[in-house]
Amino acid sequence: MPDQPLPVIAVLATGGTIAGAQADATSAGYKAGSFSVGDLLAAVPQLAGLADIRAEQVANVGSQNMTHDVWRALAQRVDALCADASVAGIVITHGTDTLEETAYFLSLVIRHDKPVVLVGAMRPATALGAEGPANLYNAVALARHPDARGRGPLVVMNEDVHYAREIQKIASAGINAFASPNRGRAGVMHGGAPYFYSRNTTTHTTQSEFSLALLEKSGWPRVDIVYAHANLQADVIAFIAGQADGIVLAGVGDGNATDLAVDALTRAAADGVAVVRSSRTGSGFVARDVELDDAALGFAAARDLNPQKARILLMLALCVTREPAAVQRYFDRY
């Protein structure tokens, strides 16, 4: 029998540490996005045996500079590639700082079941022991595997596979910098194949009520995050409320803050600014009407979404409604 053709995998590059270069061999600092997608692929010749790679450079930035414009370009390209029957899967190379946010955003606006895998690296490409090539190999291996289909966007880092909603960056350095603290990782990569532990238990991207078109029509509502701390004052919140459509409170403990801050958020909610309570702790559950009377104050509770992901969901929810109870229903579902 003739050899079967290799599956086509599209690789969309956005820059980040995985494409970073040090100033010298011993430098701790580096410039993200120094290498092109062609350079990244050339560093992993083993990919030639896995897939027919089609590479595109969508952006080339450190992910601390990730923007809604890049998200728009990514979503448009992923949507087109998912609709292309010749493409088996998609890999997105990304900086680690905001990787979890891009993954979650795509999981809410891409209504396809084709594998979409995001990948990055904690060490720049020029570092001794750079893990980027191994991560990229695993990402392509995951994107081409039939078991990856129908799970929504996935993230692979350090041989761990995570669902987009669950993954969080939990350390500033070191290769073990990612985890899914609330519901656990999706699985692992071993020998170039995925072994899944669980299904995605949240609303799948194919059933999402949101889309890029909805965001474009609504003009990408502005949502900002307020970080709670001891002695947090009301004037900071009052200033943000004058600029934003929504505010996410990265609250202490179970999504709380100083009385002054809560009063300011209550006034903001009364003025039509959507307010969602989340926790700055990094894991756990912010339940509705527990620490505060959300129904009376006009707030919603983020449940187990961290502040940065709650910001994304609130931005999308505001394309549909500003009614607090309706916003809460989105947080209950997604």
Protein backbone atom coordinates (compact mmCIF):
# COMPACT_ATOMS: atom_id res chain seq x y z
CA MET A 1 0.00 0.00 0.00
CA PRO A 2 1.24 3.52 -0.68
CA ASP A 3 2.23 5.60 2.31
CA GLN A 4 -0.60 7.68 3.75
CA PRO A 5 -0.07 11.44 3.35
CA LEU A 6 0.90 13.30 6.49
CA PRO A 7 -1.85 15.39 8.11
CA VAL A 8 -1.70 19.11 7.46
CA ILE A 9 -1.07 21.16 10.61
CA ALA A 10 -1.16 24.95 10.49
CA VAL A 11 1.30 26.67 12.84
CA LEU A 12 0.44 30.26 13.71
CA ALA A 13 3.24 32.13 15.47
CA THR A 14 2.76 35.15 17.71
CA GLY A 15 6.23 35.53 19.26
CA GLY A 16 6.92 35.08 22.95
CA THR A 17 9.70 33.45 24.93
CA ILE A 18 9.60 30.36 22.73
CA ALA A 19 10.93 32.64 19.99
CA GLY A 20 13.15 34.67 22.33
CA ALA A 21 16.91 35.28 22.22
CA GLN A 22 19.35 36.10 25.02
CA ALA A 23 21.85 38.92 24.72
CA ASP A 24 24.56 36.35 25.52
CA ALA A 25 24.84 32.74 26.63
CA THR A 26 24.73 33.54 30.36
CA SER A 27 22.15 36.32 30.34
CA ALA A 28 18.96 35.93 32.36
CA GLY A 29 17.29 38.54 30.19
CA TYR A 30 16.15 38.04 26.61
CA LYS A 31 14.14 39.65 23.82
CA ALA A 32 10.88 37.85 23.10
CA GLY A 33 9.88 37.27 19.51
CA SER A 34 13.41 37.40 18.12
CA PHE A 35 12.96 34.40 15.86
CA SER A 36 10.46 33.74 13.10
CA VAL A 37 8.15 30.77 12.81
CA GLY A 38 10.53 29.37 10.21
CA ASP A 39 13.36 29.46 12.75
CA LEU A 40 11.21 27.66 15.33
CA LEU A 41 10.30 24.90 12.90
CA ALA A 42 13.88 24.50 11.71
CA ALA A 43 14.92 23.77 15.31
CA VAL A 44 12.63 20.70 15.34
CA PRO A 45 13.49 18.63 12.25
CA GLN A 46 11.53 15.70 13.72
CA LEU A 47 8.33 17.54 12.77
CA ALA A 48 8.90 16.41 9.19
CA GLY A 49 7.83 12.93 10.22
CA LEU A 50 4.70 14.14 12.02
CA ALA A 51 2.90 16.53 9.74
CA ASP A 52 2.86 18.65 6.65
CA ILE A 53 3.41 22.03 8.31
CA ARG A 54 1.92 25.24 6.97
CA ALA A 55 3.42 28.13 8.90
CA GLU A 56 2.23 31.71 9.30
CA GLN A 57 3.57 34.62 11.35
CA VAL A 58 0.48 36.33 12.81
CA ALA A 59 2.44 38.54 15.24
CA ASN A 60 5.88 38.63 16.86
CA VAL A 61 5.56 40.14 20.33
CA GLY A 62 6.16 39.34 23.95
CA SER A 63 2.78 38.26 25.25
CA GLN A 64 2.77 41.01 27.86
CA ASN A 65 1.99 43.13 24.79
CA MET A 66 -0.82 40.88 23.54
CA THR A 67 -3.68 43.03 22.24
CA HIS A 68 -7.26 42.65 21.14
CA ASP A 69 -6.07 43.33 17.59
CA VAL A 70 -3.90 40.21 17.68
CA TRP A 71 -6.78 38.24 19.22
CA ARG A 72 -8.97 39.41 16.34
CA ALA A 73 -6.39 38.33 13.75
CA LEU A 74 -5.89 34.97 15.46
CA ALA A 75 -9.61 34.27 15.77
CA GLN A 76 -10.20 35.13 12.13
CA ARG A 77 -7.34 32.92 10.97
CA VAL A 78 -8.25 30.01 13.24
CA ASP A 79 -11.86 30.20 12.09
CA ALA A 80 -10.79 30.08 8.44
CA LEU A 81 -8.39 27.18 9.03
CA CYS A 82 -11.02 25.23 10.96
CA ALA A 83 -13.31 25.60 7.96
CA ASP A 84 -10.58 24.31 5.62
CA ALA A 85 -11.16 20.56 5.23
CA SER A 86 -7.52 20.01 4.22
CA VAL A 87 -6.24 21.18 7.63
CA ALA A 88 -6.25 18.56 10.41
CA GLY A 89 -5.31 20.83 13.30
CA ILE A 90 -3.86 24.17 14.36
CA VAL A 91 -0.94 25.05 16.64
CA ILE A 92 -0.43 28.56 18.02
CA THR A 93 2.96 29.51 19.48
CA HIS A 94 2.52 32.12 22.19
CA GLY A 95 4.29 33.87 25.04
CA THR A 96 3.51 32.46 28.46
CA ASP A 97 2.42 35.66 30.24
CA THR A 98 -1.02 35.85 28.63
CA LEU A 99 -1.21 32.41 27.00
CA GLU A 100 -4.09 31.35 29.26
CA GLU A 101 -6.10 34.44 28.29
CA THR A 102 -5.71 33.91 24.56
CA ALA A 103 -6.63 30.24 24.95
CA TYR A 104 -9.78 31.07 26.92
CA PHE A 105 -10.78 33.83 24.50
CA LEU A 106 -10.50 31.45 21.55
CA SER A 107 -12.49 28.82 23.43
CA LEU A 108 -15.38 31.30 23.63
CA VAL A 109 -15.40 32.60 20.04
CA ILE A 110 -14.29 29.64 17.86
CA ARG A 111 -17.24 27.36 17.15
CA HIS A 112 -15.36 24.37 15.76
CA ASP A 113 -14.31 20.99 17.11
CA LYS A 114 -11.02 20.79 15.17
CA PRO A 115 -7.93 20.56 17.46
CA VAL A 116 -6.47 23.97 18.36
CA VAL A 117 -3.35 23.75 20.53
CA LEU A 118 -1.49 26.65 22.14
CA VAL A 119 2.13 26.22 23.19
CA GLY A 120 4.95 28.30 24.63
CA ALA A 121 8.18 28.01 26.57
CA MET A 122 9.59 29.38 29.79
CA ARG A 123 13.16 29.48 28.48
CA PRO A 124 14.17 31.45 25.38
CA ALA A 125 15.24 29.58 22.27
CA THR A 126 18.94 30.34 22.87
CA ALA A 127 18.98 29.13 26.49
CA LEU A 128 20.78 26.00 27.63
CA GLY A 129 18.05 23.37 28.03
CA ALA A 130 15.41 25.37 26.13
CA GLU A 131 12.20 23.36 26.24
CA GLY A 132 10.55 25.12 23.31
CA PRO A 133 11.47 22.52 20.65
CA ALA A 134 10.08 19.64 22.74
CA ASN A 135 6.94 21.63 23.54
CA LEU A 136 6.43 22.46 19.87
CA TYR A 137 6.87 18.83 18.87
CA ASN A 138 4.26 17.78 21.44
CA ALA A 139 1.90 20.51 20.29
CA VAL A 140 1.99 19.29 16.69
CA ALA A 141 1.66 15.68 17.86
CA LEU A 142 -1.39 16.67 19.91
CA ALA A 143 -2.98 18.74 17.14
CA ARG A 144 -2.80 15.83 14.69
CA HIS A 145 -4.17 13.24 17.10
CA PRO A 146 -7.86 12.26 16.73
CA ASP A 147 -8.35 12.19 20.51
CA ALA A 148 -7.72 15.94 20.61
CA ARG A 149 -10.77 16.66 18.51
CA GLY A 150 -13.90 17.95 20.20
CA ARG A 151 -12.18 19.19 23.38
CA GLY A 152 -11.96 22.89 22.58
CA PRO A 153 -8.63 24.74 22.51
CA LEU A 154 -5.90 22.96 24.50
CA VAL A 155 -2.57 24.06 25.92
CA VAL A 156 0.49 21.83 26.09
CA MET A 157 3.44 22.79 28.29
CA ASN A 158 6.15 20.59 29.74
CA GLU A 159 4.31 17.42 28.55
CA ASP A 160 1.13 18.41 30.41
CA VAL A 161 -2.11 19.01 28.50
CA HIS A 162 -4.59 21.57 29.86
CA TYR A 163 -8.05 22.79 28.94
CA ALA A 164 -8.16 26.46 27.99
CA ARG A 165 -10.58 27.38 30.77
CA GLU A 166 -8.60 25.68 33.52
CA ILE A 167 -4.95 26.51 32.84
CA GLN A 168 -3.15 29.18 34.86
CA LYS A 169 0.41 30.43 34.95
CA ILE A 170 1.36 29.86 38.58
CA ALA A 171 5.07 30.78 38.65
CA SER A 172 7.18 33.56 37.19
CA ALA A 173 10.04 31.25 36.22
CA GLY A 174 10.92 27.59 35.84
CA ILE A 175 9.47 25.09 33.39
CA ASN A 176 6.80 23.85 35.85
CA ALA A 177 5.02 27.18 35.63
CA PHE A 178 1.56 26.04 34.54
CA ALA A 179 -1.21 24.14 36.29
CA SER A 180 -4.97 23.66 36.30
CA PRO A 181 -5.52 24.12 40.04
CA ASN A 182 -9.28 23.78 40.27
CA ARG A 183 -10.29 20.90 37.99
CA GLY A 184 -6.93 19.39 37.09
CA ARG A 185 -5.01 18.98 33.87
CA ALA A 186 -6.62 17.36 30.86
CA GLY A 187 -3.88 14.77 30.39
CA VAL A 188 -0.25 14.24 29.47
CA MET A 189 1.87 13.69 26.38
CA HIS A 190 3.91 10.51 26.35
CA GLY A 191 5.90 9.19 23.43
CA GLY A 192 4.34 11.71 21.08
CA ALA A 193 0.75 10.79 21.93
CA PRO A 194 -1.84 12.28 24.31
CA TYR A 195 -3.32 10.39 27.24
CA PHE A 196 -6.42 12.20 28.45
CA TYR A 197 -7.64 11.96 32.04
CA SER A 198 -10.96 13.73 31.60
CA ARG A 199 -13.38 15.43 29.27
CA ASN A 200 -13.89 19.16 29.29
CA THR A 201 -16.71 19.63 31.80
CA THR A 202 -17.66 23.19 30.76
CA THR A 203 -19.65 24.47 27.80
CA HIS A 204 -17.82 23.42 24.67
CA THR A 205 -16.71 26.04 22.19
CA THR A 206 -19.06 24.63 19.54
CA GLN A 207 -21.99 25.54 21.82
CA SER A 208 -20.70 29.02 22.63
CA GLU A 209 -23.15 31.87 22.35
CA PHE A 210 -20.31 34.25 21.56
CA SER A 211 -18.43 35.08 18.38
CA LEU A 212 -15.94 37.50 16.94
CA ALA A 213 -18.76 39.06 14.92
CA LEU A 214 -20.66 39.81 18.13
CA LEU A 215 -17.60 41.54 19.59
CA GLU A 216 -17.05 43.58 16.45
CA LYS A 217 -20.67 44.69 16.45
CA SER A 218 -20.46 45.74 20.11
CA GLY A 219 -17.10 47.45 19.79
CA TRP A 220 -15.18 45.25 22.27
CA PRO A 221 -16.53 46.48 25.63
CA ARG A 222 -13.85 47.74 28.00
CA VAL A 223 -13.41 45.70 31.16
CA ASP A 224 -10.71 46.43 33.74
CA ILE A 225 -9.47 44.56 36.81
CA VAL A 226 -9.15 46.07 40.29
CA TYR A 227 -6.75 44.23 42.59
CA ALA A 228 -7.90 44.20 46.20
CA HIS A 229 -5.43 44.84 49.01
CA ALA A 230 -5.33 46.21 52.53
CA ASN A 231 -6.54 49.80 52.70
CA LEU A 232 -7.93 49.83 49.14
CA GLN A 233 -9.58 53.20 48.60
CA ALA A 234 -12.72 54.18 46.71
CA ASP A 235 -11.16 56.78 44.42
CA VAL A 236 -9.29 54.20 42.35
CA ILE A 237 -12.54 52.38 41.62
CA ALA A 238 -14.41 55.62 40.96
CA PHE A 239 -11.81 56.59 38.37
CA ILE A 240 -11.94 53.23 36.59
CA ALA A 241 -15.75 53.21 36.69
CA GLY A 242 -15.69 56.46 34.72
CA GLN A 243 -13.83 54.77 31.87
CA ALA A 244 -14.96 51.13 31.82
CA ASP A 245 -18.05 49.16 30.83
CA GLY A 246 -17.21 46.52 33.41
CA ILE A 247 -14.98 45.92 36.41
CA VAL A 248 -13.65 42.63 37.72
CA LEU A 249 -12.64 42.68 41.36
CA ALA A 250 -9.62 40.50 42.05
CA GLY A 251 -10.76 40.24 45.63
CA VAL A 252 -9.15 38.98 48.78
CA GLY A 253 -10.24 35.52 49.86
CA ASP A 254 -13.71 34.78 48.55
CA GLY A 255 -13.87 37.87 46.33
CA ASN A 256 -14.07 40.54 49.02
CA ALA A 257 -12.55 43.98 49.52
CA THR A 258 -12.55 46.92 51.92
CA ASP A 259 -15.89 48.47 52.81
CA LEU A 260 -14.82 51.60 50.94
CA ALA A 261 -14.09 49.59 47.80
CA VAL A 262 -17.34 47.63 48.00
CA ASP A 263 -19.29 50.88 48.41
CA ALA A 264 -17.55 52.31 45.34
CA LEU A 265 -18.29 49.17 43.32
CA THR A 266 -21.92 49.35 44.43
CA ARG A 267 -22.17 52.90 43.15
CA ALA A 268 -20.53 51.84 39.89
CA ALA A 269 -23.04 49.00 39.47
CA ALA A 270 -25.91 51.42 40.15
CA ASP A 271 -24.53 53.63 37.37
CA GLY A 272 -24.60 50.74 34.90
CA VAL A 273 -21.04 49.41 35.15
CA ALA A 274 -21.02 45.60 35.30
CA VAL A 275 -19.20 44.29 38.39
CA VAL A 276 -17.91 40.75 38.84
CA ARG A 277 -16.22 39.45 41.98
CA SER A 278 -13.31 37.01 41.61
CA SER A 279 -10.40 36.02 43.84
CA ARG A 280 -6.77 37.04 43.76
CA THR A 281 -5.74 33.79 45.52
CA GLY A 282 -5.16 31.77 42.32
CA SER A 283 -7.66 28.99 42.94
CA GLY A 284 -10.92 28.21 44.68
CA PHE A 285 -14.53 29.21 44.18
CA VAL A 286 -16.18 32.62 44.54
CA ALA A 287 -19.79 31.74 45.33
CA ARG A 288 -22.68 34.10 44.76
CA ASP A 289 -24.26 35.78 47.80
CA VAL A 290 -21.75 34.34 50.28
CA GLU A 291 -19.23 37.03 51.21
CA LEU A 292 -21.50 39.77 49.91
CA ASP A 293 -25.15 40.07 48.93
CA ASP A 294 -24.55 40.10 45.18
CA ALA A 295 -28.22 40.24 44.29
CA ALA A 296 -28.73 43.38 46.38
CA LEU A 297 -25.49 45.04 45.28
CA GLY A 298 -25.88 44.30 41.57
CA PHE A 299 -22.75 42.13 41.32
CA ALA A 300 -22.00 38.78 39.69
CA ALA A 301 -19.66 36.10 41.08
CA ALA A 302 -16.91 34.58 38.92
CA ARG A 303 -17.09 31.09 40.48
CA ASP A 304 -13.72 29.43 39.74
CA LEU A 305 -12.60 31.75 36.92
CA ASN A 306 -9.52 33.78 37.80
CA PRO A 307 -9.65 37.57 37.33
CA GLN A 308 -7.97 37.65 33.92
CA LYS A 309 -10.37 35.07 32.50
CA ALA A 310 -13.36 36.66 34.23
CA ARG A 311 -12.44 39.85 32.38
CA ILE A 312 -12.70 38.05 29.04
CA LEU A 313 -16.05 36.43 29.81
CA LEU A 314 -17.49 39.70 31.12
CA MET A 315 -16.34 41.52 27.99
CA LEU A 316 -18.21 38.99 25.86
CA ALA A 317 -21.26 38.91 28.13
CA LEU A 318 -21.55 42.69 27.84
CA CYS A 319 -22.04 42.28 24.10
CA VAL A 320 -25.39 40.71 25.00
CA THR A 321 -26.57 42.15 28.32
CA ARG A 322 -25.80 44.46 31.22
CA GLU A 323 -28.40 42.98 33.54
CA PRO A 324 -26.53 41.51 36.57
CA ALA A 325 -28.62 38.33 36.84
CA ALA A 326 -28.12 37.62 33.13
CA VAL A 327 -24.38 38.24 33.46
CA GLN A 328 -24.34 35.77 36.35
CA ARG A 329 -25.95 33.13 34.16
CA TYR A 330 -23.02 33.38 31.76
CA PHE A 331 -20.57 32.87 34.63
CA ASP A 332 -22.63 29.88 35.79
CA ARG A 333 -22.42 28.34 32.33
CA TYR A 334 -18.93 29.18 31.01
